[in-house]
């Protein structure tokens, strides 16, 4: 499934609820899910990390839908397949 397909699916299923909740409260859900992801990472529970990553992604997509942002297009612009700092397909920048 492409990001665009997932975004359209989430929109079909949850658009009404997302619109009723609004942008600010949806953002709070993103933050809450990131917190749950952080807890799963600290526990080292790989299954739970996967589930929380999916939740974070779904809430980000809902937020993108509320702003009418094509997330796949934005990702491709921001991450074009090479490092934006060094220009290499495999980053050779010094680590920070």
PDB file of N, CA and C in Angstrom:
ATOM      1  N   UNK A   1       0.853  -1.178   0.000  1.00  0.00           N
ATOM      2  CA  UNK A   1       0.000   0.000   0.000  1.00  0.00           C
ATOM      3  C   UNK A   1       0.895   1.237   0.000  1.00  0.00           C
ATOM      4  N   UNK A   2       0.568   2.173  -0.842  1.00  0.00           N
ATOM      5  CA  UNK A   2       1.280   3.447  -0.899  1.00  0.00           C
ATOM      6  C   UNK A   2       0.754   4.370   0.211  1.00  0.00           C
ATOM      7  N   UNK A   3       1.562   5.359   0.576  1.00  0.00           N
ATOM      8  CA  UNK A   3       1.133   6.319   1.593  1.00  0.00           C
ATOM      9  C   UNK A   3      -0.179   6.976   1.172  1.00  0.00           C
ATOM     10  N   UNK A   4      -0.278   7.348  -0.095  1.00  0.00           N
ATOM     11  CA  UNK A   4      -1.487   8.010  -0.607  1.00  0.00           C
ATOM     12  C   UNK A   4      -2.719   7.122  -0.411  1.00  0.00           C
ATOM     13  N   UNK A   5      -2.573   5.819  -0.672  1.00  0.00           N
ATOM     14  CA  UNK A   5      -3.685   4.883  -0.487  1.00  0.00           C
ATOM     15  C   UNK A   5      -4.103   4.817   0.976  1.00  0.00           C
ATOM     16  N   UNK A   6      -3.110   4.763   1.864  1.00  0.00           N
ATOM     17  CA  UNK A   6      -3.406   4.707   3.294  1.00  0.00           C
ATOM     18  C   UNK A   6      -4.094   5.995   3.742  1.00  0.00           C
ATOM     19  N   UNK A   7      -3.598   7.139   3.259  1.00  0.00           N
ATOM     20  CA  UNK A   7      -4.193   8.420   3.628  1.00  0.00           C
ATOM     21  C   UNK A   7      -5.635   8.500   3.157  1.00  0.00           C
ATOM     22  N   UNK A   8      -5.906   8.041   1.951  1.00  0.00           N
ATOM     23  CA  UNK A   8      -7.280   8.039   1.445  1.00  0.00           C
ATOM     24  C   UNK A   8      -8.168   7.115   2.269  1.00  0.00           C
ATOM     25  N   UNK A   9      -7.653   5.948   2.648  1.00  0.00           N
ATOM     26  CA  UNK A   9      -8.426   5.008   3.453  1.00  0.00           C
ATOM     27  C   UNK A   9      -8.769   5.609   4.815  1.00  0.00           C
ATOM     28  N   UNK A  10      -7.777   6.209   5.470  1.00  0.00           N
ATOM     29  CA  UNK A  10      -8.018   6.831   6.776  1.00  0.00           C
ATOM     30  C   UNK A  10      -9.053   7.955   6.628  1.00  0.00           C
ATOM     31  N   UNK A  11      -8.950   8.713   5.546  1.00  0.00           N
ATOM     32  CA  UNK A  11      -9.928   9.774   5.297  1.00  0.00           C
ATOM     33  C   UNK A  11     -11.338   9.239   5.137  1.00  0.00           C
ATOM     34  N   UNK A  12     -11.473   8.152   4.374  1.00  0.00           N
ATOM     35  CA  UNK A  12     -12.800   7.545   4.173  1.00  0.00           C
ATOM     36  C   UNK A  12     -13.398   7.096   5.498  1.00  0.00           C
ATOM     37  N   UNK A  13     -12.572   6.480   6.316  1.00  0.00           N
ATOM     38  CA  UNK A  13     -13.074   5.885   7.557  1.00  0.00           C
ATOM     39  C   UNK A  13     -13.315   6.934   8.643  1.00  0.00           C
ATOM     40  N   UNK A  14     -12.381   7.889   8.790  1.00  0.00           N
ATOM     41  CA  UNK A  14     -12.385   8.756   9.967  1.00  0.00           C
ATOM     42  C   UNK A  14     -12.590  10.250   9.706  1.00  0.00           C
ATOM     43  N   UNK A  15     -12.822  10.676   8.466  1.00  0.00           N
ATOM     44  CA  UNK A  15     -12.896  12.112   8.162  1.00  0.00           C
ATOM     45  C   UNK A  15     -13.900  12.852   9.046  1.00  0.00           C
ATOM     46  N   UNK A  16     -15.089  12.305   9.186  1.00  0.00           N
ATOM     47  CA  UNK A  16     -16.118  12.995   9.980  1.00  0.00           C
ATOM     48  C   UNK A  16     -15.656  13.171  11.426  1.00  0.00           C
ATOM     49  N   UNK A  17     -15.135  12.108  12.014  1.00  0.00           N
ATOM     50  CA  UNK A  17     -14.685  12.180  13.410  1.00  0.00           C
ATOM     51  C   UNK A  17     -13.509  13.128  13.560  1.00  0.00           C
ATOM     52  N   UNK A  18     -12.576  13.076  12.586  1.00  0.00           N
ATOM     53  CA  UNK A  18     -11.411  13.962  12.651  1.00  0.00           C
ATOM     54  C   UNK A  18     -11.837  15.423  12.558  1.00  0.00           C
ATOM     55  N   UNK A  19     -12.766  15.726  11.658  1.00  0.00           N
ATOM     56  CA  UNK A  19     -13.247  17.103  11.513  1.00  0.00           C
ATOM     57  C   UNK A  19     -13.949  17.586  12.777  1.00  0.00           C
ATOM     58  N   UNK A  20     -14.736  16.714  13.395  1.00  0.00           N
ATOM     59  CA  UNK A  20     -15.416  17.082  14.640  1.00  0.00           C
ATOM     60  C   UNK A  20     -14.409  17.339  15.758  1.00  0.00           C
ATOM     61  N   UNK A  21     -13.351  16.535  15.812  1.00  0.00           N
ATOM     62  CA  UNK A  21     -12.333  16.674  16.851  1.00  0.00           C
ATOM     63  C   UNK A  21     -11.514  17.937  16.621  1.00  0.00           C
ATOM     64  N   UNK A  22     -11.186  18.205  15.372  1.00  0.00           N
ATOM     65  CA  UNK A  22     -10.407  19.391  15.032  1.00  0.00           C
ATOM     66  C   UNK A  22      -8.910  19.150  15.029  1.00  0.00           C
ATOM     67  N   UNK A  23      -8.214  20.131  14.517  1.00  0.00           N
ATOM     68  CA  UNK A  23      -6.766  20.034  14.324  1.00  0.00           C
ATOM     69  C   UNK A  23      -6.000  19.976  15.644  1.00  0.00           C
ATOM     70  N   UNK A  24      -6.349  20.855  16.568  1.00  0.00           N
ATOM     71  CA  UNK A  24      -5.597  20.922  17.819  1.00  0.00           C
ATOM     72  C   UNK A  24      -5.734  19.640  18.633  1.00  0.00           C
ATOM     73  N   UNK A  25      -6.944  19.123  18.745  1.00  0.00           N
ATOM     74  CA  UNK A  25      -7.137  17.890  19.518  1.00  0.00           C
ATOM     75  C   UNK A  25      -6.532  16.690  18.802  1.00  0.00           C
ATOM     76  N   UNK A  26      -6.548  16.707  17.479  1.00  0.00           N
ATOM     77  CA  UNK A  26      -5.895  15.628  16.734  1.00  0.00           C
ATOM     78  C   UNK A  26      -4.395  15.661  17.002  1.00  0.00           C
ATOM     79  N   UNK A  27      -3.828  16.857  17.058  1.00  0.00           N
ATOM     80  CA  UNK A  27      -2.406  16.979  17.371  1.00  0.00           C
ATOM     81  C   UNK A  27      -2.105  16.426  18.756  1.00  0.00           C
ATOM     82  N   UNK A  28      -2.998  16.643  19.702  1.00  0.00           N
ATOM     83  CA  UNK A  28      -2.810  16.083  21.042  1.00  0.00           C
ATOM     84  C   UNK A  28      -2.781  14.558  21.003  1.00  0.00           C
ATOM     85  N   UNK A  29      -3.601  13.962  20.129  1.00  0.00           N
ATOM     86  CA  UNK A  29      -3.574  12.513  19.971  1.00  0.00           C
ATOM     87  C   UNK A  29      -2.232  12.055  19.395  1.00  0.00           C
ATOM     88  N   UNK A  30      -1.686  12.819  18.450  1.00  0.00           N
ATOM     89  CA  UNK A  30      -0.360  12.486  17.908  1.00  0.00           C
ATOM     90  C   UNK A  30       0.652  12.445  19.043  1.00  0.00           C
ATOM     91  N   UNK A  31       0.634  13.467  19.880  1.00  0.00           N
ATOM     92  CA  UNK A  31       1.584  13.551  20.992  1.00  0.00           C
ATOM     93  C   UNK A  31       1.390  12.385  21.958  1.00  0.00           C
ATOM     94  N   UNK A  32       0.136  12.061  22.256  1.00  0.00           N
ATOM     95  CA  UNK A  32      -0.133  10.945  23.156  1.00  0.00           C
ATOM     96  C   UNK A  32       0.417   9.638  22.593  1.00  0.00           C
ATOM     97  N   UNK A  33       0.203   9.426  21.304  1.00  0.00           N
ATOM     98  CA  UNK A  33       0.704   8.189  20.682  1.00  0.00           C
ATOM     99  C   UNK A  33       2.226   8.143  20.644  1.00  0.00           C
ATOM    100  N   UNK A  34       2.873   9.293  20.453  1.00  0.00           N
ATOM    101  CA  UNK A  34       4.337   9.334  20.503  1.00  0.00           C
ATOM    102  C   UNK A  34       4.806   8.967  21.910  1.00  0.00           C
ATOM    103  N   UNK A  35       4.082   9.427  22.921  1.00  0.00           N
ATOM    104  CA  UNK A  35       4.401   9.053  24.296  1.00  0.00           C
ATOM    105  C   UNK A  35       4.288   7.552  24.510  1.00  0.00           C
ATOM    106  N   UNK A  36       3.245   6.950  23.975  1.00  0.00           N
ATOM    107  CA  UNK A  36       3.079   5.496  24.091  1.00  0.00           C
ATOM    108  C   UNK A  36       4.189   4.767  23.338  1.00  0.00           C
ATOM    109  N   UNK A  37       4.599   5.302  22.200  1.00  0.00           N
ATOM    110  CA  UNK A  37       5.712   4.720  21.458  1.00  0.00           C
ATOM    111  C   UNK A  37       6.994   4.787  22.278  1.00  0.00           C
ATOM    112  N   UNK A  38       7.218   5.918  22.920  1.00  0.00           N
ATOM    113  CA  UNK A  38       8.396   6.082  23.762  1.00  0.00           C
ATOM    114  C   UNK A  38       8.436   5.046  24.883  1.00  0.00           C
ATOM    115  N   UNK A  39       7.292   4.805  25.499  1.00  0.00           N
ATOM    116  CA  UNK A  39       7.223   3.805  26.563  1.00  0.00           C
ATOM    117  C   UNK A  39       7.526   2.410  26.028  1.00  0.00           C
ATOM    118  N   UNK A  40       6.995   2.092  24.869  1.00  0.00           N
ATOM    119  CA  UNK A  40       7.239   0.777  24.263  1.00  0.00           C
ATOM    120  C   UNK A  40       8.718   0.601  23.937  1.00  0.00           C
ATOM    121  N   UNK A  41       9.355   1.656  23.439  1.00  0.00           N
ATOM    122  CA  UNK A  41      10.791   1.593  23.126  1.00  0.00           C
ATOM    123  C   UNK A  41      11.582   1.361  24.411  1.00  0.00           C
ATOM    124  N   UNK A  42      11.252   2.083  25.464  1.00  0.00           N
ATOM    125  CA  UNK A  42      11.958   1.911  26.740  1.00  0.00           C
ATOM    126  C   UNK A  42      11.812   0.488  27.270  1.00  0.00           C
ATOM    127  N   UNK A  43      10.635  -0.112  27.071  1.00  0.00           N
ATOM    128  CA  UNK A  43      10.407  -1.485  27.536  1.00  0.00           C
ATOM    129  C   UNK A  43      11.082  -2.511  26.625  1.00  0.00           C
ATOM    130  N   UNK A  44      11.426  -2.090  25.410  1.00  0.00           N
ATOM    131  CA  UNK A  44      12.060  -3.010  24.465  1.00  0.00           C
ATOM    132  C   UNK A  44      11.089  -4.028  23.881  1.00  0.00           C
ATOM    133  N   UNK A  45       9.814  -3.715  23.893  1.00  0.00           N
ATOM    134  CA  UNK A  45       8.778  -4.613  23.391  1.00  0.00           C
ATOM    135  C   UNK A  45       8.566  -4.363  21.896  1.00  0.00           C
ATOM    136  N   UNK A  46       9.214  -5.183  21.064  1.00  0.00           N
ATOM    137  CA  UNK A  46       9.207  -4.965  19.615  1.00  0.00           C
ATOM    138  C   UNK A  46       7.792  -5.008  19.047  1.00  0.00           C
ATOM    139  N   UNK A  47       6.965  -5.938  19.499  1.00  0.00           N
ATOM    140  CA  UNK A  47       5.586  -6.024  19.007  1.00  0.00           C
ATOM    141  C   UNK A  47       4.833  -4.733  19.321  1.00  0.00           C
ATOM    142  N   UNK A  48       4.968  -4.251  20.545  1.00  0.00           N
ATOM    143  CA  UNK A  48       4.285  -3.034  20.944  1.00  0.00           C
ATOM    144  C   UNK A  48       4.846  -1.814  20.197  1.00  0.00           C
ATOM    145  N   UNK A  49       6.159  -1.793  19.973  1.00  0.00           N
ATOM    146  CA  UNK A  49       6.754  -0.696  19.203  1.00  0.00           C
ATOM    147  C   UNK A  49       6.117  -0.636  17.818  1.00  0.00           C
ATOM    148  N   UNK A  50       5.962  -1.790  17.181  1.00  0.00           N
ATOM    149  CA  UNK A  50       5.325  -1.827  15.867  1.00  0.00           C
ATOM    150  C   UNK A  50       3.902  -1.293  15.894  1.00  0.00           C
ATOM    151  N   UNK A  51       3.149  -1.699  16.903  1.00  0.00           N
ATOM    152  CA  UNK A  51       1.766  -1.236  17.026  1.00  0.00           C
ATOM    153  C   UNK A  51       1.706   0.277  17.250  1.00  0.00           C
ATOM    154  N   UNK A  52       2.584   0.780  18.087  1.00  0.00           N
ATOM    155  CA  UNK A  52       2.578   2.219  18.374  1.00  0.00           C
ATOM    156  C   UNK A  52       3.075   3.027  17.182  1.00  0.00           C
ATOM    157  N   UNK A  53       4.038   2.505  16.427  1.00  0.00           N
ATOM    158  CA  UNK A  53       4.462   3.182  15.197  1.00  0.00           C
ATOM    159  C   UNK A  53       3.282   3.319  14.239  1.00  0.00           C
ATOM    160  N   UNK A  54       2.484   2.261  14.129  1.00  0.00           N
ATOM    161  CA  UNK A  54       1.307   2.304  13.259  1.00  0.00           C
ATOM    162  C   UNK A  54       0.317   3.348  13.753  1.00  0.00           C
ATOM    163  N   UNK A  55       0.123   3.427  15.064  1.00  0.00           N
ATOM    164  CA  UNK A  55      -0.795   4.428  15.624  1.00  0.00           C
ATOM    165  C   UNK A  55      -0.299   5.851  15.350  1.00  0.00           C
ATOM    166  N   UNK A  56       0.996   6.091  15.578  1.00  0.00           N
ATOM    167  CA  UNK A  56       1.559   7.420  15.323  1.00  0.00           C
ATOM    168  C   UNK A  56       1.349   7.797  13.864  1.00  0.00           C
ATOM    169  N   UNK A  57       1.647   6.853  12.969  1.00  0.00           N
ATOM    170  CA  UNK A  57       1.506   7.125  11.539  1.00  0.00           C
ATOM    171  C   UNK A  57       0.054   7.443  11.180  1.00  0.00           C
ATOM    172  N   UNK A  58      -0.884   6.675  11.720  1.00  0.00           N
ATOM    173  CA  UNK A  58      -2.298   6.905  11.415  1.00  0.00           C
ATOM    174  C   UNK A  58      -2.755   8.278  11.901  1.00  0.00           C
ATOM    175  N   UNK A  59      -2.326   8.681  13.091  1.00  0.00           N
ATOM    176  CA  UNK A  59      -2.717   9.998  13.593  1.00  0.00           C
ATOM    177  C   UNK A  59      -2.051  11.115  12.798  1.00  0.00           C
ATOM    178  N   UNK A  60      -0.809  10.916  12.347  1.00  0.00           N
ATOM    179  CA  UNK A  60      -0.163  11.912  11.483  1.00  0.00           C
ATOM    180  C   UNK A  60      -0.932  12.067  10.178  1.00  0.00           C
ATOM    181  N   UNK A  61      -1.389  10.951   9.646  1.00  0.00           N
ATOM    182  CA  UNK A  61      -2.167  10.979   8.411  1.00  0.00           C
ATOM    183  C   UNK A  61      -3.490  11.715   8.636  1.00  0.00           C
ATOM    184  N   UNK A  62      -4.135  11.479   9.756  1.00  0.00           N
ATOM    185  CA  UNK A  62      -5.377  12.202  10.069  1.00  0.00           C
ATOM    186  C   UNK A  62      -5.121  13.701  10.134  1.00  0.00           C
ATOM    187  N   UNK A  63      -4.018  14.086  10.749  1.00  0.00           N
ATOM    188  CA  UNK A  63      -3.676  15.503  10.835  1.00  0.00           C
ATOM    189  C   UNK A  63      -3.407  16.076   9.445  1.00  0.00           C
ATOM    190  N   UNK A  64      -2.689  15.340   8.621  1.00  0.00           N
ATOM    191  CA  UNK A  64      -2.439  15.776   7.238  1.00  0.00           C
ATOM    192  C   UNK A  64      -3.764  15.951   6.498  1.00  0.00           C
ATOM    193  N   UNK A  65      -4.693  15.033   6.694  1.00  0.00           N
ATOM    194  CA  UNK A  65      -6.002  15.151   6.040  1.00  0.00           C
ATOM    195  C   UNK A  65      -6.733  16.415   6.467  1.00  0.00           C
ATOM    196  N   UNK A  66      -6.657  16.742   7.751  1.00  0.00           N
ATOM    197  CA  UNK A  66      -7.328  17.946   8.237  1.00  0.00           C
ATOM    198  C   UNK A  66      -6.761  19.215   7.603  1.00  0.00           C
ATOM    199  N   UNK A  67      -5.493  19.167   7.236  1.00  0.00           N
ATOM    200  CA  UNK A  67      -4.847  20.316   6.581  1.00  0.00           C
ATOM    201  C   UNK A  67      -4.837  20.190   5.053  1.00  0.00           C
ATOM    202  N   UNK A  68      -5.490  19.141   4.544  1.00  0.00           N
ATOM    203  CA  UNK A  68      -5.505  18.886   3.095  1.00  0.00           C
ATOM    204  C   UNK A  68      -4.098  18.808   2.507  1.00  0.00           C
ATOM    205  N   UNK A  69      -3.210  18.126   3.231  1.00  0.00           N
ATOM    206  CA  UNK A  69      -1.832  17.944   2.794  1.00  0.00           C
ATOM    207  C   UNK A  69      -1.669  16.535   2.254  1.00  0.00           C
ATOM    208  N   UNK A  70      -1.129  16.437   1.046  1.00  0.00           N
ATOM    209  CA  UNK A  70      -0.793  15.145   0.446  1.00  0.00           C
ATOM    210  C   UNK A  70       0.520  14.697   1.073  1.00  0.00           C
ATOM    211  N   UNK A  71       0.425  13.820   2.072  1.00  0.00           N
ATOM    212  CA  UNK A  71       1.593  13.421   2.851  1.00  0.00           C
ATOM    213  C   UNK A  71       2.651  12.726   1.992  1.00  0.00           C
ATOM    214  N   UNK A  72       2.225  11.883   1.073  1.00  0.00           N
ATOM    215  CA  UNK A  72       3.181  11.189   0.211  1.00  0.00           C
ATOM    216  C   UNK A  72       3.996  12.186  -0.613  1.00  0.00           C
ATOM    217  N   UNK A  73       3.339  13.187  -1.157  1.00  0.00           N
ATOM    218  CA  UNK A  73       4.022  14.213  -1.941  1.00  0.00           C
ATOM    219  C   UNK A  73       5.023  14.976  -1.075  1.00  0.00           C
ATOM    220  N   UNK A  74       4.618  15.325   0.130  1.00  0.00           N
ATOM    221  CA  UNK A  74       5.510  16.052   1.047  1.00  0.00           C
ATOM    222  C   UNK A  74       6.714  15.215   1.436  1.00  0.00           C
ATOM    223  N   UNK A  75       6.499  13.924   1.685  1.00  0.00           N
ATOM    224  CA  UNK A  75       7.608  13.031   2.046  1.00  0.00           C
ATOM    225  C   UNK A  75       8.593  12.936   0.891  1.00  0.00           C
ATOM    226  N   UNK A  76       8.084  12.787  -0.316  1.00  0.00           N
ATOM    227  CA  UNK A  76       8.966  12.679  -1.483  1.00  0.00           C
ATOM    228  C   UNK A  76       9.771  13.956  -1.709  1.00  0.00           C
ATOM    229  N   UNK A  77       9.165  15.115  -1.445  1.00  0.00           N
ATOM    230  CA  UNK A  77       9.899  16.383  -1.582  1.00  0.00           C
ATOM    231  C   UNK A  77      10.989  16.502  -0.518  1.00  0.00           C
ATOM    232  N   UNK A  78      10.658  16.121   0.691  1.00  0.00           N
ATOM    233  CA  UNK A  78      11.590  16.288   1.819  1.00  0.00           C
ATOM    234  C   UNK A  78      12.683  15.227   1.818  1.00  0.00           C
ATOM    235  N   UNK A  79      12.359  14.016   1.342  1.00  0.00           N
ATOM    236  CA  UNK A  79      13.298  12.887   1.325  1.00  0.00           C
ATOM    237  C   UNK A  79      13.341  12.299  -0.078  1.00  0.00           C
ATOM    238  N   UNK A  80      14.112  12.946  -0.976  1.00  0.00           N
ATOM    239  CA  UNK A  80      14.077  12.587  -2.401  1.00  0.00           C
ATOM    240  C   UNK A  80      14.883  11.349  -2.791  1.00  0.00           C
ATOM    241  N   UNK A  81      15.429  10.632  -1.834  1.00  0.00           N
ATOM    242  CA  UNK A  81      16.175   9.411  -2.169  1.00  0.00           C
ATOM    243  C   UNK A  81      17.680   9.566  -2.037  1.00  0.00           C
ATOM    244  N   UNK A  82      18.106  10.685  -1.493  1.00  0.00           N
ATOM    245  CA  UNK A  82      19.528  10.920  -1.232  1.00  0.00           C
ATOM    246  C   UNK A  82      19.629  11.895  -0.055  1.00  0.00           C
ATOM    247  N   UNK A  83      20.803  11.939   0.563  1.00  0.00           N
ATOM    248  CA  UNK A  83      21.013  12.844   1.695  1.00  0.00           C
ATOM    249  C   UNK A  83      21.061  14.280   1.180  1.00  0.00           C
ATOM    250  N   UNK A  84      20.245  15.124   1.764  1.00  0.00           N
ATOM    251  CA  UNK A  84      20.196  16.520   1.337  1.00  0.00           C
ATOM    252  C   UNK A  84      21.444  17.302   1.740  1.00  0.00           C
ATOM    253  N   UNK A  85      22.183  16.827   2.737  1.00  0.00           N
ATOM    254  CA  UNK A  85      23.403  17.529   3.167  1.00  0.00           C
ATOM    255  C   UNK A  85      24.599  17.169   2.292  1.00  0.00           C
ATOM    256  N   UNK A  86      24.849  15.866   2.101  1.00  0.00           N
ATOM    257  CA  UNK A  86      26.047  15.468   1.348  1.00  0.00           C
ATOM    258  C   UNK A  86      25.731  15.087  -0.099  1.00  0.00           C
ATOM    259  N   UNK A  87      24.458  14.883  -0.416  1.00  0.00           N
ATOM    260  CA  UNK A  87      24.055  14.567  -1.776  1.00  0.00           C
ATOM    261  C   UNK A  87      24.258  13.113  -2.165  1.00  0.00           C
ATOM    262  N   UNK A  88      24.654  12.266  -1.232  1.00  0.00           N
ATOM    263  CA  UNK A  88      24.928  10.860  -1.535  1.00  0.00           C
ATOM    264  C   UNK A  88      23.690   9.992  -1.318  1.00  0.00           C
ATOM    265  N   UNK A  89      23.606   8.904  -2.098  1.00  0.00           N
ATOM    266  CA  UNK A  89      22.496   7.955  -1.954  1.00  0.00           C
ATOM    267  C   UNK A  89      22.564   7.262  -0.594  1.00  0.00           C
ATOM    268  N   UNK A  90      23.763   7.064  -0.085  1.00  0.00           N
ATOM    269  CA  UNK A  90      23.969   6.560   1.276  1.00  0.00           C
ATOM    270  C   UNK A  90      24.736   7.657   2.005  1.00  0.00           C
ATOM    271  N   UNK A  91      24.128   8.221   3.023  1.00  0.00           N
ATOM    272  CA  UNK A  91      24.687   9.378   3.722  1.00  0.00           C
ATOM    273  C   UNK A  91      26.115   9.121   4.197  1.00  0.00           C
ATOM    274  N   UNK A  92      26.986  10.097   3.905  1.00  0.00           N
ATOM    275  CA  UNK A  92      28.366  10.035   4.374  1.00  0.00           C
ATOM    276  C   UNK A  92      28.680  11.201   5.300  1.00  0.00           C
ATOM    277  N   UNK A  93      27.657  11.879   5.782  1.00  0.00           N
ATOM    278  CA  UNK A  93      27.859  12.989   6.707  1.00  0.00           C
ATOM    279  C   UNK A  93      28.405  12.467   8.024  1.00  0.00           C
ATOM    280  N   UNK A  94      29.186  13.313   8.694  1.00  0.00           N
ATOM    281  CA  UNK A  94      29.658  12.935  10.017  1.00  0.00           C
ATOM    282  C   UNK A  94      28.471  12.873  10.966  1.00  0.00           C
ATOM    283  N   UNK A  95      28.479  11.895  11.854  1.00  0.00           N
ATOM    284  CA  UNK A  95      27.398  11.804  12.844  1.00  0.00           C
ATOM    285  C   UNK A  95      27.579  12.863  13.897  1.00  0.00           C
ATOM    286  N   UNK A  96      26.463  13.279  14.442  1.00  0.00           N
ATOM    287  CA  UNK A  96      26.483  14.327  15.454  1.00  0.00           C
ATOM    288  C   UNK A  96      26.517  13.709  16.825  1.00  0.00           C
TER     289      UNK A  96
END
